[in-house]
PDB file of all heavy atoms in Angstrom:
ATOM      1  N   ILE A   1      22.673  -4.239   9.747  1.00  0.00           N
ATOM      2  CA  ILE A   1      23.971  -3.868  10.295  1.00  0.00           C
ATOM      3  C   ILE A   1      24.858  -3.251   9.213  1.00  0.00           C
ATOM      4  O   ILE A   1      25.704  -2.401   9.488  1.00  0.00           O
ATOM      5  CB  ILE A   1      24.670  -5.094  10.947  1.00  0.00           C
ATOM      6  CG1 ILE A   1      25.763  -4.638  11.919  1.00  0.00           C
ATOM      7  CG2 ILE A   1      25.287  -6.010   9.892  1.00  0.00           C
ATOM      8  CD1 ILE A   1      26.351  -5.773  12.731  1.00  0.00           C
ATOM      9  N   LEU A   2      24.642  -3.668   7.963  1.00  0.00           N
ATOM     10  CA  LEU A   2      25.410  -3.122   6.849  1.00  0.00           C
ATOM     11  C   LEU A   2      24.886  -1.743   6.455  1.00  0.00           C
ATOM     12  O   LEU A   2      25.653  -0.784   6.329  1.00  0.00           O
ATOM     13  CB  LEU A   2      25.340  -4.084   5.650  1.00  0.00           C
ATOM     14  CG  LEU A   2      26.101  -3.674   4.381  1.00  0.00           C
ATOM     15  CD1 LEU A   2      27.590  -3.540   4.670  1.00  0.00           C
ATOM     16  CD2 LEU A   2      25.876  -4.687   3.268  1.00  0.00           C
ATOM     17  N   PHE A   3      23.567  -1.634   6.296  1.00  0.00           N
ATOM     18  CA  PHE A   3      22.981  -0.368   5.854  1.00  0.00           C
ATOM     19  C   PHE A   3      23.000   0.707   6.942  1.00  0.00           C
ATOM     20  O   PHE A   3      22.940   1.896   6.637  1.00  0.00           O
ATOM     21  CB  PHE A   3      21.552  -0.593   5.342  1.00  0.00           C
ATOM     22  CG  PHE A   3      21.503  -1.127   3.940  1.00  0.00           C
ATOM     23  CD1 PHE A   3      21.530  -2.488   3.691  1.00  0.00           C
ATOM     24  CD2 PHE A   3      21.459  -0.261   2.857  1.00  0.00           C
ATOM     25  CE1 PHE A   3      21.500  -2.987   2.396  1.00  0.00           C
ATOM     26  CE2 PHE A   3      21.429  -0.738   1.555  1.00  0.00           C
ATOM     27  CZ  PHE A   3      21.455  -2.103   1.321  1.00  0.00           C
ATOM     28  N   GLU A   4      23.088   0.303   8.188  1.00  0.00           N
ATOM     29  CA  GLU A   4      23.209   1.291   9.267  1.00  0.00           C
ATOM     30  C   GLU A   4      24.517   2.064   9.128  1.00  0.00           C
ATOM     31  O   GLU A   4      24.615   3.222   9.532  1.00  0.00           O
ATOM     32  CB  GLU A   4      23.161   0.596  10.628  1.00  0.00           C
ATOM     33  CG  GLU A   4      21.759   0.292  11.127  1.00  0.00           C
ATOM     34  CD  GLU A   4      21.764  -0.327  12.513  1.00  0.00           C
ATOM     35  OE1 GLU A   4      21.795   0.424  13.492  1.00  0.00           O
ATOM     36  OE2 GLU A   4      21.753  -1.568  12.603  1.00  0.00           O
ATOM     37  N   GLU A   5      25.520   1.405   8.588  1.00  0.00           N
ATOM     38  CA  GLU A   5      26.823   2.042   8.397  1.00  0.00           C
ATOM     39  C   GLU A   5      26.839   2.918   7.148  1.00  0.00           C
ATOM     40  O   GLU A   5      27.570   3.905   7.074  1.00  0.00           O
ATOM     41  CB  GLU A   5      27.916   0.964   8.293  1.00  0.00           C
ATOM     42  CG  GLU A   5      28.149   0.174   9.564  1.00  0.00           C
ATOM     43  CD  GLU A   5      28.709   1.034  10.680  1.00  0.00           C
ATOM     44  OE1 GLU A   5      29.505   1.953  10.380  1.00  0.00           O
ATOM     45  OE2 GLU A   5      28.343   0.807  11.848  1.00  0.00           O
ATOM     46  N   ILE A   6      26.052   2.534   6.157  1.00  0.00           N
ATOM     47  CA  ILE A   6      26.066   3.234   4.865  1.00  0.00           C
ATOM     48  C   ILE A   6      25.174   4.476   4.877  1.00  0.00           C
ATOM     49  O   ILE A   6      25.574   5.548   4.418  1.00  0.00           O
ATOM     50  CB  ILE A   6      25.611   2.286   3.732  1.00  0.00           C
ATOM     51  CG1 ILE A   6      26.586   1.110   3.604  1.00  0.00           C
ATOM     52  CG2 ILE A   6      25.514   3.034   2.413  1.00  0.00           C
ATOM     53  CD1 ILE A   6      26.139   0.043   2.626  1.00  0.00           C
ATOM     54  N   LEU A   7      23.957   4.333   5.401  1.00  0.00           N
ATOM     55  CA  LEU A   7      22.984   5.424   5.350  1.00  0.00           C
ATOM     56  C   LEU A   7      23.060   6.317   6.593  1.00  0.00           C
ATOM     57  O   LEU A   7      23.336   5.830   7.691  1.00  0.00           O
ATOM     58  CB  LEU A   7      21.567   4.862   5.222  1.00  0.00           C
ATOM     59  CG  LEU A   7      21.280   4.071   3.943  1.00  0.00           C
ATOM     60  CD1 LEU A   7      19.870   3.500   3.987  1.00  0.00           C
ATOM     61  CD2 LEU A   7      21.437   4.959   2.720  1.00  0.00           C
ATOM     62  N   PRO A   8      22.808   7.613   6.423  1.00  0.00           N
ATOM     63  CA  PRO A   8      22.835   8.535   7.564  1.00  0.00           C
ATOM     64  C   PRO A   8      21.621   8.335   8.468  1.00  0.00           C
ATOM     65  O   PRO A   8      20.567   7.899   8.012  1.00  0.00           O
ATOM     66  CB  PRO A   8      22.788   9.915   6.897  1.00  0.00           C
ATOM     67  CG  PRO A   8      22.075   9.675   5.616  1.00  0.00           C
ATOM     68  CD  PRO A   8      22.516   8.307   5.157  1.00  0.00           C
ATOM     69  N   GLN A   9      21.788   8.614   9.756  1.00  0.00           N
ATOM     70  CA  GLN A   9      20.695   8.523  10.711  1.00  0.00           C
ATOM     71  C   GLN A   9      20.304   9.942  11.116  1.00  0.00           C
ATOM     72  O   GLN A   9      21.108  10.671  11.680  1.00  0.00           O
ATOM     73  CB  GLN A   9      21.115   7.707  11.932  1.00  0.00           C
ATOM     74  CG  GLN A   9      21.437   6.253  11.603  1.00  0.00           C
ATOM     75  CD  GLN A   9      21.907   5.464  12.825  1.00  0.00           C
ATOM     76  OE1 GLN A   9      21.755   5.897  13.951  1.00  0.00           O
ATOM     77  NE2 GLN A   9      22.489   4.302  12.580  1.00  0.00           N
ATOM     78  N   TYR A  10      19.056  10.305  10.832  1.00  0.00           N
ATOM     79  CA  TYR A  10      18.587  11.661  11.078  1.00  0.00           C
ATOM     80  C   TYR A  10      17.918  11.823  12.443  1.00  0.00           C
ATOM     81  O   TYR A  10      17.389  12.881  12.746  1.00  0.00           O
ATOM     82  CB  TYR A  10      17.608  12.078   9.979  1.00  0.00           C
ATOM     83  CG  TYR A  10      18.251  12.192   8.618  1.00  0.00           C
ATOM     84  CD1 TYR A  10      18.299  11.105   7.754  1.00  0.00           C
ATOM     85  CD2 TYR A  10      18.822  13.394   8.200  1.00  0.00           C
ATOM     86  CE1 TYR A  10      18.887  11.210   6.497  1.00  0.00           C
ATOM     87  CE2 TYR A  10      19.411  13.509   6.943  1.00  0.00           C
ATOM     88  CZ  TYR A  10      19.439  12.407   6.094  1.00  0.00           C
ATOM     89  OH  TYR A  10      20.036  12.524   4.864  1.00  0.00           O
ATOM     90  N   VAL A  11      17.909  10.770  13.239  1.00  0.00           N
ATOM     91  CA  VAL A  11      17.245  10.811  14.546  1.00  0.00           C
ATOM     92  C   VAL A  11      18.235  10.395  15.630  1.00  0.00           C
ATOM     93  O   VAL A  11      19.327   9.908  15.341  1.00  0.00           O
ATOM     94  CB  VAL A  11      16.016   9.872  14.573  1.00  0.00           C
ATOM     95  CG1 VAL A  11      14.930  10.383  13.643  1.00  0.00           C
ATOM     96  CG2 VAL A  11      16.404   8.446  14.195  1.00  0.00           C
ATOM     97  N   SER A  12      17.837  10.572  16.887  1.00  0.00           N
ATOM     98  CA  SER A  12      18.696  10.203  18.013  1.00  0.00           C
ATOM     99  C   SER A  12      18.839   8.686  18.084  1.00  0.00           C
ATOM    100  O   SER A  12      18.043   7.948  17.495  1.00  0.00           O
ATOM    101  CB  SER A  12      18.112  10.727  19.321  1.00  0.00           C
ATOM    102  OG  SER A  12      16.892  10.052  19.614  1.00  0.00           O
ATOM    103  N   LYS A  13      19.832   8.215  18.824  1.00  0.00           N
ATOM    104  CA  LYS A  13      20.065   6.783  18.946  1.00  0.00           C
ATOM    105  C   LYS A  13      18.858   6.080  19.576  1.00  0.00           C
ATOM    106  O   LYS A  13      18.496   4.972  19.160  1.00  0.00           O
ATOM    107  CB  LYS A  13      21.312   6.506  19.791  1.00  0.00           C
ATOM    108  CG  LYS A  13      21.681   5.019  19.838  1.00  0.00           C
ATOM    109  CD  LYS A  13      22.891   4.767  20.681  1.00  0.00           C
ATOM    110  CE  LYS A  13      23.286   3.291  20.645  1.00  0.00           C
ATOM    111  NZ  LYS A  13      22.180   2.378  21.012  1.00  0.00           N
ATOM    112  N   ASP A  14      18.231   6.714  20.578  1.00  0.00           N
ATOM    113  CA  ASP A  14      17.067   6.110  21.218  1.00  0.00           C
ATOM    114  C   ASP A  14      15.912   5.935  20.237  1.00  0.00           C
ATOM    115  O   ASP A  14      15.253   4.888  20.213  1.00  0.00           O
ATOM    116  CB  ASP A  14      16.610   6.967  22.406  1.00  0.00           C
ATOM    117  CG  ASP A  14      17.562   6.862  23.587  1.00  0.00           C
ATOM    118  OD1 ASP A  14      18.303   5.864  23.656  1.00  0.00           O
ATOM    119  OD2 ASP A  14      17.561   7.782  24.420  1.00  0.00           O
ATOM    120  N   VAL A  15      15.669   6.960  19.427  1.00  0.00           N
ATOM    121  CA  VAL A  15      14.589   6.888  18.431  1.00  0.00           C
ATOM    122  C   VAL A  15      14.940   5.853  17.366  1.00  0.00           C
ATOM    123  O   VAL A  15      14.080   5.110  16.893  1.00  0.00           O
ATOM    124  CB  VAL A  15      14.335   8.261  17.782  1.00  0.00           C
ATOM    125  CG1 VAL A  15      13.321   8.144  16.641  1.00  0.00           C
ATOM    126  CG2 VAL A  15      13.825   9.255  18.819  1.00  0.00           C
ATOM    127  N   TRP A  16      16.210   5.807  16.994  1.00  0.00           N
ATOM    128  CA  TRP A  16      16.652   4.834  15.993  1.00  0.00           C
ATOM    129  C   TRP A  16      16.441   3.405  16.487  1.00  0.00           C
ATOM    130  O   TRP A  16      15.948   2.545  15.758  1.00  0.00           O
ATOM    131  CB  TRP A  16      18.119   5.059  15.652  1.00  0.00           C
ATOM    132  CG  TRP A  16      18.624   4.112  14.595  1.00  0.00           C
ATOM    133  CD1 TRP A  16      19.345   2.977  14.782  1.00  0.00           C
ATOM    134  CD2 TRP A  16      18.394   4.205  13.184  1.00  0.00           C
ATOM    135  NE1 TRP A  16      19.586   2.352  13.584  1.00  0.00           N
ATOM    136  CE2 TRP A  16      19.015   3.086  12.591  1.00  0.00           C
ATOM    137  CE3 TRP A  16      17.728   5.125  12.385  1.00  0.00           C
ATOM    138  CZ2 TRP A  16      18.991   2.877  11.221  1.00  0.00           C
ATOM    139  CZ3 TRP A  16      17.705   4.894  11.015  1.00  0.00           C
ATOM    140  CH2 TRP A  16      18.332   3.792  10.446  1.00  0.00           C
ATOM    141  N   ASP A  17      16.815   3.154  17.739  1.00  0.00           N
ATOM    142  CA  ASP A  17      16.624   1.826  18.328  1.00  0.00           C
ATOM    143  C   ASP A  17      15.142   1.462  18.358  1.00  0.00           C
ATOM    144  O   ASP A  17      14.770   0.313  18.118  1.00  0.00           O
ATOM    145  CB  ASP A  17      17.203   1.776  19.743  1.00  0.00           C
ATOM    146  CG  ASP A  17      18.726   1.834  19.749  1.00  0.00           C
ATOM    147  OD1 ASP A  17      19.330   1.540  18.696  1.00  0.00           O
ATOM    148  OD2 ASP A  17      19.303   2.185  20.799  1.00  0.00           O
ATOM    149  N   MET A  18      14.294   2.444  18.669  1.00  0.00           N
ATOM    150  CA  MET A  18      12.854   2.206  18.671  1.00  0.00           C
ATOM    151  C   MET A  18      12.358   1.941  17.255  1.00  0.00           C
ATOM    152  O   MET A  18      11.494   1.065  17.048  1.00  0.00           O
ATOM    153  CB  MET A  18      12.108   3.400  19.268  1.00  0.00           C
ATOM    154  CG  MET A  18      10.596   3.258  19.234  1.00  0.00           C
ATOM    155  SD  MET A  18       9.726   4.676  19.915  1.00  0.00           S
ATOM    156  CE  MET A  18       9.314   4.052  21.529  1.00  0.00           C
ATOM    157  N   PHE A  19      12.885   2.652  16.297  1.00  0.00           N
ATOM    158  CA  PHE A  19      12.496   2.493  14.895  1.00  0.00           C
ATOM    159  C   PHE A  19      12.715   1.058  14.426  1.00  0.00           C
ATOM    160  O   PHE A  19      11.852   0.463  13.774  1.00  0.00           O
ATOM    161  CB  PHE A  19      13.312   3.458  14.033  1.00  0.00           C
ATOM    162  CG  PHE A  19      13.138   3.266  12.551  1.00  0.00           C
ATOM    163  CD1 PHE A  19      11.976   3.657  11.912  1.00  0.00           C
ATOM    164  CD2 PHE A  19      14.152   2.704  11.782  1.00  0.00           C
ATOM    165  CE1 PHE A  19      11.819   3.487  10.543  1.00  0.00           C
ATOM    166  CE2 PHE A  19      14.008   2.530  10.423  1.00  0.00           C
ATOM    167  CZ  PHE A  19      12.839   2.919   9.797  1.00  0.00           C
ATOM    168  N   LEU A  20      13.865   0.483  14.777  1.00  0.00           N
ATOM    169  CA  LEU A  20      14.193  -0.877  14.356  1.00  0.00           C
ATOM    170  C   LEU A  20      13.237  -1.901  14.961  1.00  0.00           C
ATOM    171  O   LEU A  20      13.077  -3.002  14.427  1.00  0.00           O
ATOM    172  CB  LEU A  20      15.640  -1.217  14.749  1.00  0.00           C
ATOM    173  CG  LEU A  20      16.729  -0.384  14.049  1.00  0.00           C
ATOM    174  CD1 LEU A  20      18.110  -0.814  14.537  1.00  0.00           C
ATOM    175  CD2 LEU A  20      16.637  -0.506  12.535  1.00  0.00           C
ATOM    176  N   VAL A  21      12.603  -1.536  16.083  1.00  0.00           N
ATOM    177  CA  VAL A  21      11.617  -2.414  16.714  1.00  0.00           C
ATOM    178  C   VAL A  21      10.232  -2.187  16.114  1.00  0.00           C
ATOM    179  O   VAL A  21       9.521  -3.133  15.772  1.00  0.00           O
ATOM    180  CB  VAL A  21      11.566  -2.161  18.240  1.00  0.00           C
ATOM    181  CG1 VAL A  21      10.427  -2.955  18.868  1.00  0.00           C
ATOM    182  CG2 VAL A  21      12.888  -2.535  18.886  1.00  0.00           C
ATOM    183  N   ILE A  22       9.863  -0.923  15.959  1.00  0.00           N
ATOM    184  CA  ILE A  22       8.526  -0.566  15.470  1.00  0.00           C
ATOM    185  C   ILE A  22       8.263  -1.089  14.056  1.00  0.00           C
ATOM    186  O   ILE A  22       7.162  -1.564  13.750  1.00  0.00           O
ATOM    187  CB  ILE A  22       8.327   0.966  15.499  1.00  0.00           C
ATOM    188  CG1 ILE A  22       8.311   1.476  16.938  1.00  0.00           C
ATOM    189  CG2 ILE A  22       7.037   1.360  14.787  1.00  0.00           C
ATOM    190  CD1 ILE A  22       7.150   0.991  17.761  1.00  0.00           C
ATOM    191  N   ILE A  23       9.266  -1.020  13.180  1.00  0.00           N
ATOM    192  CA  ILE A  23       9.033  -1.468  11.802  1.00  0.00           C
ATOM    193  C   ILE A  23       8.742  -2.967  11.743  1.00  0.00           C
ATOM    194  O   ILE A  23       8.122  -3.449  10.789  1.00  0.00           O
ATOM    195  CB  ILE A  23      10.207  -1.111  10.858  1.00  0.00           C
ATOM    196  CG1 ILE A  23      11.526  -1.716  11.346  1.00  0.00           C
ATOM    197  CG2 ILE A  23      10.318   0.383  10.687  1.00  0.00           C
ATOM    198  CD1 ILE A  23      12.680  -1.489  10.388  1.00  0.00           C
ATOM    199  N   GLN A  24       9.170  -3.707  12.774  1.00  0.00           N
ATOM    200  CA  GLN A  24       8.852  -5.131  12.824  1.00  0.00           C
ATOM    201  C   GLN A  24       7.345  -5.349  12.981  1.00  0.00           C
ATOM    202  O   GLN A  24       6.806  -6.348  12.517  1.00  0.00           O
ATOM    203  CB  GLN A  24       9.578  -5.805  13.984  1.00  0.00           C
ATOM    204  CG  GLN A  24      11.077  -5.940  13.784  1.00  0.00           C
ATOM    205  CD  GLN A  24      11.728  -6.715  14.910  1.00  0.00           C
ATOM    206  OE1 GLN A  24      11.186  -6.840  16.006  1.00  0.00           O
ATOM    207  NE2 GLN A  24      12.904  -7.236  14.657  1.00  0.00           N
ATOM    208  N   LEU A  25       6.681  -4.414  13.655  1.00  0.00           N
ATOM    209  CA  LEU A  25       5.230  -4.533  13.842  1.00  0.00           C
ATOM    210  C   LEU A  25       4.497  -4.461  12.504  1.00  0.00           C
ATOM    211  O   LEU A  25       3.467  -5.105  12.313  1.00  0.00           O
ATOM    212  CB  LEU A  25       4.735  -3.437  14.788  1.00  0.00           C
ATOM    213  CG  LEU A  25       5.297  -3.482  16.217  1.00  0.00           C
ATOM    214  CD1 LEU A  25       4.743  -2.336  17.041  1.00  0.00           C
ATOM    215  CD2 LEU A  25       4.981  -4.816  16.884  1.00  0.00           C
TER     216      LEU A  25
END
């Protein structure tokens, strides 16, 4: 939640939300 504010997001919100799930795998 902290780094999401600091670092830029280069993908859409949907892809970003998926990313946060996929990396858990």
